[in-house]
Amino acid sequence: MNGWSSSVGEQITPHEIPVHLLPEGVAAPVTPAMDSGPTLRDMERKFIRTTLAQTGGNKSKTAKLLGIALQTLLNKINEYKL
C-alpha cells in the first residue's frame, strides 16, 4: 500500500491528496468532503498563484519549482487569468 487514497468519482477532493502535496496555507482536511470543497482546478490555480508569489512573479523559477515546462506555466497563467 502506498498511502494514497483511491478516488471513486470524477472529482479529487483535498482528502485524497497527500498532505505534503497541498499548497502552503491549505490545512489537511479532517473528514472527507462529500459534494463540496475546492476542485482540482481550483487547487491548481491557487497553487500556481501561491508559487508565483513566493518567487516574486518569476515565471521561470515558478515553473521549475512546480516541475513543469515554462510554456505549460504560461498556458496555465493564461487559462486561469493570473
Protein backbone atom coordinates (compact mmCIF):
# COMPACT_ATOMS: atom_id res chain seq x y z
CA MET A 1 0.00 0.00 0.00
CA ASN A 2 1.41 3.39 -0.97
CA GLY A 3 -0.57 5.61 1.42
CA TRP A 4 -2.70 7.16 -1.33
CA SER A 5 -6.46 7.08 -1.14
CA SER A 6 -8.35 5.90 -4.16
CA SER A 7 -10.85 8.21 -5.80
CA VAL A 8 -14.22 6.84 -6.74
CA GLY A 9 -15.76 9.82 -8.57
CA GLU A 10 -14.57 12.23 -11.23
CA GLN A 11 -13.52 14.88 -8.71
CA ILE A 12 -10.47 14.59 -6.47
CA THR A 13 -11.10 16.02 -3.03
CA PRO A 14 -8.48 17.55 -0.73
CA HIS A 15 -8.87 14.48 1.50
CA GLU A 16 -7.42 12.33 -1.30
CA ILE A 17 -4.28 14.44 -1.74
CA PRO A 18 -1.28 13.64 0.47
CA VAL A 19 -0.62 16.42 2.97
CA HIS A 20 2.88 17.09 1.61
CA LEU A 21 1.38 17.99 -1.80
CA LEU A 22 -1.14 20.53 -0.51
CA PRO A 23 -0.30 24.21 -1.15
CA GLU A 24 1.11 26.16 1.76
CA GLY A 25 -1.68 27.52 3.91
CA VAL A 26 -4.13 24.77 2.97
CA ALA A 27 -4.91 22.66 6.01
CA ALA A 28 -5.29 18.92 5.65
CA PRO A 29 -8.97 18.06 5.82
CA VAL A 30 -10.16 16.25 8.93
CA THR A 31 -13.02 14.47 7.19
CA PRO A 32 -13.59 13.69 3.54
CA ALA A 33 -15.58 16.29 1.62
CA MET A 34 -18.59 14.69 0.00
CA ASP A 35 -20.04 17.14 -2.51
CA SER A 36 -18.32 20.41 -1.71
CA GLY A 37 -14.87 21.86 -1.48
CA PRO A 38 -12.32 23.05 -3.98
CA THR A 39 -11.93 21.27 -7.28
CA LEU A 40 -8.56 20.13 -8.59
CA ARG A 41 -8.71 23.11 -10.97
CA ASP A 42 -9.26 25.48 -8.02
CA MET A 43 -6.36 23.93 -6.14
CA GLU A 44 -4.07 24.10 -9.17
CA ARG A 45 -4.94 27.77 -9.69
CA LYS A 46 -4.22 28.57 -6.04
CA PHE A 47 -1.00 26.53 -6.06
CA ILE A 48 0.28 28.37 -9.13
CA ARG A 49 -0.72 31.75 -7.67
CA THR A 50 0.99 30.95 -4.36
CA THR A 51 4.16 29.72 -6.04
CA LEU A 52 4.28 32.80 -8.28
CA ALA A 53 4.01 34.98 -5.17
CA GLN A 54 6.79 33.04 -3.44
CA THR A 55 9.11 33.59 -6.41
CA GLY A 56 8.25 37.27 -6.70
CA GLY A 57 6.49 36.62 -10.01
CA ASN A 58 9.49 34.88 -11.58
CA LYS A 59 7.83 32.53 -14.07
CA SER A 60 10.97 30.52 -14.83
CA LYS A 61 11.54 29.81 -11.13
CA THR A 62 7.86 29.06 -10.63
CA ALA A 63 7.83 26.54 -13.49
CA LYS A 64 10.96 24.89 -12.13
CA LEU A 65 9.54 24.64 -8.59
CA LEU A 66 6.30 23.20 -9.95
CA GLY A 67 8.19 20.72 -12.14
CA ILE A 68 6.51 21.86 -15.34
CA ALA A 69 7.71 23.44 -18.57
CA LEU A 70 7.69 27.23 -18.74
CA GLN A 71 5.26 27.08 -21.68
CA THR A 72 2.88 24.93 -19.62
CA LEU A 73 3.00 27.51 -16.83
CA LEU A 74 2.36 30.33 -19.29
CA ASN A 75 -0.62 28.41 -20.68
CA LYS A 76 -2.00 27.90 -17.15
CA ILE A 77 -1.47 31.58 -16.28
CA ASN A 78 -3.46 32.49 -19.39
CA GLU A 79 -6.13 29.86 -18.72
CA TYR A 80 -6.61 30.95 -15.10
CA LYS A 81 -6.16 34.65 -15.92
CA LEU A 82 -3.45 35.02 -13.26
